[in-house]
Amino acid sequence: MKEINTDVVIVGAGLIGLVTAHCLLSLKYRVIIIDKKIFNKQDIGQKDVRTVAVSQGSKLFLESLSLWKSLEKFSEPIKKIRVFNRKSSNRILFENSNLNKDLGYVIENSKFSKILINSLKKKKNIKILYGVELNKIETNTSTPRVFLKNQTIKSKLIIAADGKNSTLRKMIGNKIFKKKYSDSALVINFFHQNNLKNIAYEIFYDSGPLAILPMRAKNGFFQSSIIWSNKDLFVKNIINCDKNFVKNIIVEKIGHIIGDIIKINSVQKFPLSAHINDSFFNQRLIYIGDSAHSIHPIAGQGWNLGVKDVKNLQHTCIESKLKQIEIGSSVFCKKYHSLSYNNAFQLYQITDKLNYHFKRKNNLYKFITNTGFELIENNKPLKNKITKYAMGL
């Protein structure tokens, strides 16, 4: 069996795994990425019609890795966010106190993934192995091993970036705290009549939050994506409906914002759940992104939380090099865990409680929510603080 040596093995070639690879290469580590999916080399990532909401803080990090210049032309800036609680009179307007700066950006997953992969192909000390299954791993030595069908990879550190249902986590046996919601997310990409002028919307209905994210215009048409959390049965029924019927439902809900829908490009359903690992590390192994945690999409911060993991990994690597601590050592992994875990746990709890609160229908909860909206809207320092947090700064 062929044996390959490297510094780091990343399991998972999703966006967070790819950003992690760029980060480690910038620090002069040798990296191998493995992924069980088989990609068409001519059409990498094109089947993924989802979007990513990139915070200002994540954008600055991507900029530091020399990635943002290639991504910028495919991104749509968000300059303001309008939040409504059931009716237009209960609202908060978030905007950057520095009017020359954006709150965040919306990018299509497919474009994002393709740019990251094409950029990696131009670099040295990187291999990407697609369509490979993990047979087993060994992490109880100074040189952990990943066993594939026809080869073995020796490294100093293994990074699990293989998503919510992490194969690595199951192999290692880390426990998770999990919350399964009765809702699903309805994700629809479409062309529409009105120019949203770089404004994103979050509308809290009794059924769940509906977010409108403006996307980069295409072929002269305004384009947006909505993420609507609703009862699983409702979302299932929508998925199976004629697109004209779907159009009518969406226009009824948000037509005053988007105008008429010109064309629906995609309709998808994603079951909602949240989880957090009992630990973000094991011997010679760390968890990053969705393999470590996933949160309710109510705040739109899931992907940016994964970027914070990568930033914490970068900090750990730089500090360890200065102190001559080996990457993947017990001290290294514990340091990464200590930087990442508490923030992820807090956001896991906050998003869960927010979802619970906004779905409560009794008058007391509605009164508290309306009062809270009014308080935030009229308190500029508090609103700026919330905005800065949402921007990842």
Protein backbone atom coordinates (compact mmCIF):
# COMPACT_ATOMS: atom_id res chain seq x y z
CA MET A 1 0.00 0.00 0.00
CA LYS A 2 1.34 3.42 -1.01
CA GLU A 3 2.22 5.77 1.87
CA ILE A 4 2.20 9.57 1.61
CA ASN A 5 3.68 12.03 4.12
CA THR A 6 2.27 15.46 4.85
CA ASP A 7 1.84 17.93 7.73
CA VAL A 8 -1.96 18.15 7.78
CA VAL A 9 -4.81 16.06 6.39
CA ILE A 10 -8.13 17.86 5.94
CA VAL A 11 -11.14 15.58 5.62
CA GLY A 12 -13.84 17.46 3.70
CA ALA A 13 -13.62 19.76 0.66
CA GLY A 14 -16.52 22.06 1.54
CA LEU A 15 -15.99 25.80 1.76
CA ILE A 16 -14.58 25.74 5.32
CA GLY A 17 -12.21 22.86 4.46
CA LEU A 18 -10.96 24.77 1.42
CA VAL A 19 -10.47 28.03 3.37
CA THR A 20 -8.61 26.03 6.02
CA ALA A 21 -6.27 24.66 3.34
CA HIS A 22 -5.52 28.18 2.06
CA CYS A 23 -4.80 29.32 5.62
CA LEU A 24 -2.40 26.46 6.35
CA LEU A 25 -0.60 26.85 3.02
CA SER A 26 -0.01 30.53 3.83
CA LEU A 27 1.77 29.30 6.98
CA LYS A 28 4.01 26.95 4.93
CA TYR A 29 2.41 23.65 5.94
CA ARG A 30 2.01 20.74 3.53
CA VAL A 31 -1.65 19.84 3.13
CA ILE A 32 -3.73 17.01 1.68
CA ILE A 33 -7.51 17.34 1.33
CA ILE A 34 -9.65 14.25 0.93
CA ASP A 35 -13.35 14.14 0.11
CA LYS A 36 -15.67 11.23 -0.59
CA LYS A 37 -17.60 13.17 -3.23
CA ILE A 38 -16.69 12.78 -6.89
CA PHE A 39 -16.57 16.10 -8.69
CA ASN A 40 -16.65 16.76 -12.41
CA LYS A 41 -13.38 18.60 -12.95
CA GLN A 42 -14.98 20.86 -15.55
CA ASP A 43 -17.92 21.79 -13.36
CA ILE A 44 -16.75 21.88 -9.74
CA GLY A 45 -19.50 22.86 -7.32
CA GLN A 46 -22.04 23.90 -9.97
CA LYS A 47 -24.79 21.72 -8.50
CA ASP A 48 -24.79 23.69 -5.25
CA VAL A 49 -27.35 26.50 -5.66
CA ARG A 50 -27.15 27.74 -2.07
CA THR A 51 -25.66 31.09 -1.07
CA VAL A 52 -23.24 32.11 1.67
CA ALA A 53 -23.71 35.22 3.79
CA VAL A 54 -20.16 36.47 4.40
CA SER A 55 -19.73 38.90 7.30
CA GLN A 56 -17.37 41.86 7.11
CA GLY A 57 -15.02 40.10 9.52
CA SER A 58 -14.91 36.97 7.34
CA LYS A 59 -14.32 39.14 4.27
CA LEU A 60 -11.29 40.75 5.95
CA PHE A 61 -9.91 37.29 6.75
CA LEU A 62 -10.39 36.11 3.16
CA GLU A 63 -8.68 39.32 2.08
CA SER A 64 -5.68 38.48 4.30
CA LEU A 65 -5.41 35.13 2.44
CA SER A 66 -5.44 36.97 -0.93
CA LEU A 67 -8.78 35.37 -1.86
CA TRP A 68 -11.23 38.25 -1.75
CA LYS A 69 -10.09 39.93 -4.96
CA SER A 70 -11.26 36.90 -6.98
CA LEU A 71 -14.48 36.55 -4.97
CA GLU A 72 -15.52 40.20 -4.96
CA LYS A 73 -16.83 40.30 -8.53
CA PHE A 74 -19.30 37.50 -7.68
CA SER A 75 -20.45 39.01 -4.38
CA GLU A 76 -23.37 41.31 -3.66
CA PRO A 77 -22.72 43.78 -0.82
CA ILE A 78 -25.23 44.15 2.00
CA LYS A 79 -25.33 47.78 3.11
CA LYS A 80 -28.39 47.63 5.36
CA ILE A 81 -30.48 44.99 7.11
CA ARG A 82 -34.15 45.62 7.83
CA VAL A 83 -35.68 43.40 10.52
CA PHE A 84 -39.45 43.20 11.01
CA ASN A 85 -41.41 41.47 13.74
CA ARG A 86 -44.66 40.30 12.09
CA LYS A 87 -45.63 43.79 10.89
CA SER A 88 -43.83 46.77 9.37
CA SER A 89 -44.33 49.02 12.42
CA ASN A 90 -42.15 46.73 14.58
CA ARG A 91 -38.80 47.16 12.90
CA ILE A 92 -35.08 47.68 13.36
CA LEU A 93 -32.78 49.08 10.70
CA PHE A 94 -29.16 47.95 10.97
CA GLU A 95 -26.44 49.75 9.04
CA ASN A 96 -22.72 50.28 9.41
CA SER A 97 -21.89 53.45 11.35
CA ASN A 98 -19.09 53.84 8.79
CA LEU A 99 -21.25 54.36 5.71
CA ASN A 100 -18.32 53.53 3.40
CA LYS A 101 -18.20 49.97 4.76
CA ASP A 102 -20.58 47.10 4.03
CA LEU A 103 -22.29 44.89 6.62
CA GLY A 104 -21.56 41.74 4.65
CA TYR A 105 -21.80 40.02 1.28
CA VAL A 106 -23.80 37.29 -0.44
CA ILE A 107 -22.01 34.82 -2.74
CA GLU A 108 -23.23 31.71 -4.53
CA ASN A 109 -21.68 28.53 -3.11
CA SER A 110 -20.83 27.24 -6.58
CA LYS A 111 -18.81 30.34 -7.51
CA PHE A 112 -17.15 30.41 -4.10
CA SER A 113 -16.10 26.76 -4.24
CA LYS A 114 -14.78 26.95 -7.79
CA ILE A 115 -12.60 29.98 -7.03
CA LEU A 116 -11.14 28.38 -3.89
CA ILE A 117 -10.33 25.11 -5.69
CA ASN A 118 -8.85 26.77 -8.77
CA SER A 119 -6.67 28.92 -6.52
CA LEU A 120 -5.45 25.84 -4.61
CA LYS A 121 -4.50 24.14 -7.89
CA LYS A 122 -1.96 26.89 -8.52
CA LYS A 123 -0.19 26.36 -5.20
CA LYS A 124 2.57 24.01 -4.11
CA ASN A 125 2.42 21.55 -1.21
CA ILE A 126 -1.26 20.73 -1.73
CA LYS A 127 -3.07 17.63 -3.00
CA ILE A 128 -6.83 17.23 -3.33
CA LEU A 129 -8.11 13.66 -3.49
CA TYR A 130 -11.74 13.32 -4.57
CA GLY A 131 -13.94 10.24 -4.48
CA VAL A 132 -12.00 8.54 -1.68
CA GLU A 133 -13.54 6.80 1.32
CA LEU A 134 -11.98 6.66 4.77
CA ASN A 135 -11.43 3.07 5.87
CA LYS A 136 -10.01 3.92 9.29
CA ILE A 137 -7.76 6.37 11.12
CA GLU A 138 -5.09 6.09 13.80
CA THR A 139 -4.55 9.06 16.09
CA ASN A 140 -2.83 7.47 19.09
CA THR A 141 0.72 8.03 17.84
CA SER A 142 2.95 11.02 17.08
CA THR A 143 2.22 10.45 13.39
CA PRO A 144 -1.51 9.84 12.90
CA ARG A 145 -2.54 7.90 9.84
CA VAL A 146 -5.51 8.05 7.50
CA PHE A 147 -6.18 4.77 5.70
CA LEU A 148 -7.79 4.93 2.26
CA LYS A 149 -8.47 2.08 -0.16
CA ASN A 150 -5.09 2.03 -1.89
CA GLN A 151 -2.94 4.36 0.19
CA THR A 152 -2.10 5.57 3.66
CA ILE A 153 -1.47 9.19 4.61
CA LYS A 154 0.85 10.02 7.52
CA SER A 155 0.57 13.48 9.06
CA LYS A 156 1.02 15.50 12.24
CA LEU A 157 -2.60 16.69 12.44
CA ILE A 158 -5.96 15.55 11.08
CA ILE A 159 -8.69 18.17 10.62
CA ALA A 160 -12.31 17.08 10.46
CA ALA A 161 -14.13 19.46 8.11
CA ASP A 162 -16.65 16.89 6.87
CA GLY A 163 -19.87 18.52 7.97
CA LYS A 164 -22.74 17.94 10.41
CA ASN A 165 -22.73 14.18 9.94
CA SER A 166 -18.95 13.93 10.24
CA THR A 167 -17.62 10.46 9.40
CA LEU A 168 -14.48 11.23 11.40
CA ARG A 169 -16.50 12.13 14.49
CA LYS A 170 -18.33 8.82 14.27
CA MET A 171 -15.04 6.93 13.89
CA ILE A 172 -13.47 8.69 16.88
CA GLY A 173 -16.62 8.49 18.99
CA ASN A 174 -16.99 12.11 20.11
CA LYS A 175 -20.41 12.77 21.60
CA ILE A 176 -22.61 15.65 20.51
CA PHE A 177 -25.39 17.75 22.02
CA LYS A 178 -28.10 17.94 19.38
CA LYS A 179 -31.33 19.85 18.88
CA LYS A 180 -33.67 18.68 16.12
CA TYR A 181 -36.29 21.21 15.09
CA SER A 182 -39.73 20.39 13.74
CA ASP A 183 -39.07 22.94 11.00
CA SER A 184 -37.25 22.83 7.68
CA ALA A 185 -35.68 25.64 5.67
CA LEU A 186 -37.22 26.45 2.32
CA VAL A 187 -34.48 27.95 0.13
CA ILE A 188 -35.56 29.62 -3.12
CA ASN A 189 -33.38 31.49 -5.62
CA PHE A 190 -35.26 33.69 -8.09
CA PHE A 191 -35.22 36.69 -10.43
CA HIS A 192 -37.53 39.55 -9.45
CA GLN A 193 -38.78 42.96 -10.46
CA ASN A 194 -37.59 45.37 -7.76
CA ASN A 195 -34.04 46.49 -7.03
CA LEU A 196 -33.37 45.77 -3.34
CA LYS A 197 -30.52 48.33 -3.37
CA ASN A 198 -28.21 46.13 -1.28
CA ILE A 199 -30.72 45.78 1.55
CA ALA A 200 -31.25 42.39 3.21
CA TYR A 201 -34.44 41.61 5.12
CA GLU A 202 -35.37 39.37 8.05
CA ILE A 203 -39.09 39.04 8.74
CA PHE A 204 -40.32 37.13 11.79
CA TYR A 205 -43.64 35.39 11.14
CA ASP A 206 -45.50 33.14 13.58
CA SER A 207 -44.42 30.20 11.39
CA GLY A 208 -40.72 31.15 11.52
CA PRO A 209 -38.21 33.70 10.16
CA LEU A 210 -37.95 34.55 6.46
CA ALA A 211 -34.70 36.10 5.26
CA ILE A 212 -34.25 37.83 1.89
CA LEU A 213 -30.65 38.01 0.67
CA PRO A 214 -29.90 40.12 -2.42
CA MET A 215 -27.63 38.35 -4.89
CA ARG A 216 -25.49 39.66 -7.75
CA ALA A 217 -27.72 40.62 -10.71
CA LYS A 218 -27.54 38.25 -13.67
CA ASN A 219 -28.36 38.84 -17.34
CA GLY A 220 -29.87 42.19 -16.41
CA PHE A 221 -32.29 40.72 -13.83
CA PHE A 222 -32.33 41.40 -10.09
CA GLN A 223 -31.76 38.21 -8.15
CA SER A 224 -32.31 37.15 -4.54
CA SER A 225 -32.42 34.13 -2.30
CA ILE A 226 -34.92 33.55 0.49
CA ILE A 227 -34.45 31.23 3.45
CA TRP A 228 -37.81 30.59 5.09
CA SER A 229 -38.05 28.44 8.23
CA ASN A 230 -41.44 26.77 8.43
CA LYS A 231 -43.15 23.54 9.49
CA ASP A 232 -41.62 20.52 7.80
CA LEU A 233 -44.94 19.44 6.26
CA PHE A 234 -45.53 22.92 4.81
CA VAL A 235 -42.07 22.96 3.23
CA LYS A 236 -42.55 19.44 1.83
CA ASN A 237 -45.81 20.52 0.21
CA ILE A 238 -44.20 23.62 -1.30
CA ILE A 239 -41.38 21.55 -2.80
CA ASN A 240 -43.92 19.39 -4.58
CA CYS A 241 -45.99 22.29 -5.90
CA ASP A 242 -46.03 23.83 -9.35
CA LYS A 243 -43.61 26.79 -9.59
CA ASN A 244 -46.44 29.19 -10.41
CA PHE A 245 -48.12 28.25 -7.15
CA VAL A 246 -44.82 28.82 -5.29
CA LYS A 247 -44.51 32.22 -7.00
CA ASN A 248 -47.94 33.25 -5.75
CA ILE A 249 -47.16 32.26 -2.15
CA ILE A 250 -43.86 34.17 -2.11
CA VAL A 251 -45.33 37.27 -3.77
CA GLU A 252 -48.18 37.23 -1.26
CA LYS A 253 -45.65 37.25 1.60
CA ILE A 254 -42.95 39.61 0.29
CA GLY A 255 -44.22 41.07 -2.99
CA HIS A 256 -44.24 44.54 -1.42
CA ILE A 257 -40.44 44.19 -1.19
CA ILE A 258 -39.40 42.24 -4.30
CA GLY A 259 -42.21 43.08 -6.72
CA ASP A 260 -43.22 40.33 -9.14
CA ILE A 261 -41.15 37.16 -9.47
CA ILE A 262 -39.84 36.85 -13.03
CA LYS A 263 -38.44 33.33 -12.73
CA ILE A 264 -37.80 30.80 -9.97
CA ASN A 265 -34.35 29.26 -10.49
CA SER A 266 -34.34 26.68 -7.70
CA VAL A 267 -36.45 25.43 -4.79
CA GLN A 268 -34.76 23.35 -2.09
CA LYS A 269 -35.58 21.96 1.35
CA PHE A 270 -33.14 21.52 4.22
CA PRO A 271 -34.16 19.97 7.58
CA LEU A 272 -33.21 22.19 10.51
CA SER A 273 -31.11 20.97 13.40
CA ALA A 274 -28.32 22.27 15.59
CA HIS A 275 -25.50 20.52 17.40
CA ILE A 276 -22.26 21.06 19.25
CA ASN A 277 -19.55 18.49 19.95
CA ASP A 278 -18.62 17.70 23.53
CA SER A 279 -15.08 18.65 22.49
CA PHE A 280 -13.47 20.26 19.44
CA PHE A 281 -10.35 18.10 19.67
CA ASN A 282 -9.12 14.59 20.18
CA GLN A 283 -5.65 13.10 20.02
CA ARG A 284 -3.92 14.62 16.96
CA LEU A 285 -7.31 15.71 15.59
CA ILE A 286 -9.42 18.87 15.64
CA TYR A 287 -12.96 19.64 14.45
CA ILE A 288 -13.71 22.72 12.40
CA GLY A 289 -16.88 24.27 10.95
CA ASP A 290 -20.01 22.11 10.80
CA SER A 291 -18.17 19.01 11.99
CA ALA A 292 -17.75 20.85 15.31
CA HIS A 293 -21.02 22.80 15.50
CA SER A 294 -24.13 23.82 13.60
CA ILE A 295 -26.65 26.46 14.63
CA HIS A 296 -30.18 27.57 13.74
CA PRO A 297 -30.01 29.89 10.68
CA ILE A 298 -32.03 32.62 12.43
CA ALA A 299 -28.98 34.91 12.71
CA GLY A 300 -27.27 33.89 9.45
CA GLN A 301 -23.98 33.29 11.27
CA GLY A 302 -23.33 29.56 10.74
CA TRP A 303 -20.70 29.85 8.01
CA ASN A 304 -19.00 32.82 9.67
CA LEU A 305 -18.70 30.82 12.89
CA GLY A 306 -16.72 28.26 10.88
CA VAL A 307 -14.43 31.03 9.60
CA LYS A 308 -13.79 32.02 13.23
CA ASP A 309 -12.61 28.43 13.78
CA VAL A 310 -10.12 28.85 10.92
CA LYS A 311 -8.93 32.16 12.38
CA ASN A 312 -8.45 30.45 15.75
CA LEU A 313 -6.50 27.68 14.03
CA GLN A 314 -4.31 30.29 12.35
CA HIS A 315 -3.67 31.98 15.71
CA THR A 316 -2.80 28.61 17.29
CA CYS A 317 -0.39 27.77 14.46
CA ILE A 318 1.41 31.11 14.64
CA GLU A 319 1.71 31.01 18.44
CA SER A 320 2.88 27.37 18.37
CA LYS A 321 5.59 28.13 15.82
CA LEU A 322 6.88 30.95 18.01
CA LYS A 323 6.93 28.68 21.07
CA GLN A 324 8.25 25.70 19.08
CA ILE A 325 5.17 23.61 19.84
CA GLU A 326 4.49 20.93 17.25
CA ILE A 327 1.32 21.20 15.20
CA GLY A 328 -1.08 18.46 16.28
CA SER A 329 0.44 18.02 19.74
CA SER A 330 -1.79 17.85 22.81
CA VAL A 331 -0.92 21.46 23.76
CA PHE A 332 -1.72 22.62 20.21
CA CYS A 333 -5.12 20.90 20.05
CA LYS A 334 -6.17 22.06 23.52
CA LYS A 335 -5.24 25.64 22.64
CA TYR A 336 -7.41 25.54 19.51
CA HIS A 337 -10.31 24.09 21.52
CA SER A 338 -10.05 26.78 24.20
CA LEU A 339 -10.19 29.53 21.57
CA SER A 340 -13.17 28.08 19.68
CA TYR A 341 -15.48 26.20 22.01
CA ASN A 342 -17.03 28.87 24.25
CA ASN A 343 -17.95 31.21 21.41
CA ALA A 344 -19.57 28.37 19.46
CA PHE A 345 -21.47 27.14 22.53
CA GLN A 346 -22.81 30.62 23.25
CA LEU A 347 -24.03 31.11 19.67
CA TYR A 348 -25.56 27.62 19.69
CA GLN A 349 -27.57 28.62 22.78
CA ILE A 350 -28.43 32.15 21.62
CA THR A 351 -29.82 31.10 18.23
CA ASP A 352 -31.84 28.29 19.79
CA LYS A 353 -33.40 30.62 22.37
CA LEU A 354 -34.06 33.34 19.77
CA ASN A 355 -35.91 30.86 17.59
CA TYR A 356 -37.97 29.71 20.58
CA HIS A 357 -38.76 33.28 21.62
CA PHE A 358 -39.87 34.56 18.21
CA LYS A 359 -42.15 31.58 17.62
CA ARG A 360 -44.06 32.12 20.86
CA LYS A 361 -47.54 33.42 20.03
CA ASN A 362 -48.93 34.57 23.37
CA ASN A 363 -49.43 38.27 24.02
CA LEU A 364 -46.76 38.54 26.73
CA TYR A 365 -44.00 37.33 24.37
CA LYS A 366 -45.27 39.61 21.61
CA PHE A 367 -45.26 42.58 23.98
CA ILE A 368 -41.70 41.79 25.17
CA THR A 369 -40.50 41.41 21.57
CA ASN A 370 -42.13 44.63 20.39
CA THR A 371 -40.70 46.51 23.37
CA GLY A 372 -37.26 45.04 22.64
CA PHE A 373 -37.45 46.10 18.99
CA GLU A 374 -38.39 49.65 20.00
CA LEU A 375 -35.60 49.77 22.59
CA ILE A 376 -32.94 48.61 20.11
CA GLU A 377 -34.16 50.87 17.29
CA ASN A 378 -34.04 53.96 19.54
CA ASN A 379 -30.75 53.14 21.28
CA LYS A 380 -27.96 53.93 18.80
CA PRO A 381 -25.01 52.66 20.92
CA LEU A 382 -26.80 49.34 21.54
CA LYS A 383 -27.75 49.01 17.87
CA ASN A 384 -24.17 49.73 16.80
CA LYS A 385 -22.91 47.08 19.22
CA ILE A 386 -25.28 44.45 17.77
CA THR A 387 -24.32 45.50 14.24
CA LYS A 388 -20.63 45.17 15.00
CA TYR A 389 -21.16 41.69 16.44
CA ALA A 390 -23.15 40.60 13.38
CA MET A 391 -20.34 41.91 11.17
CA GLY A 392 -17.87 39.68 13.00
CA LEU A 393 -15.74 42.58 14.20
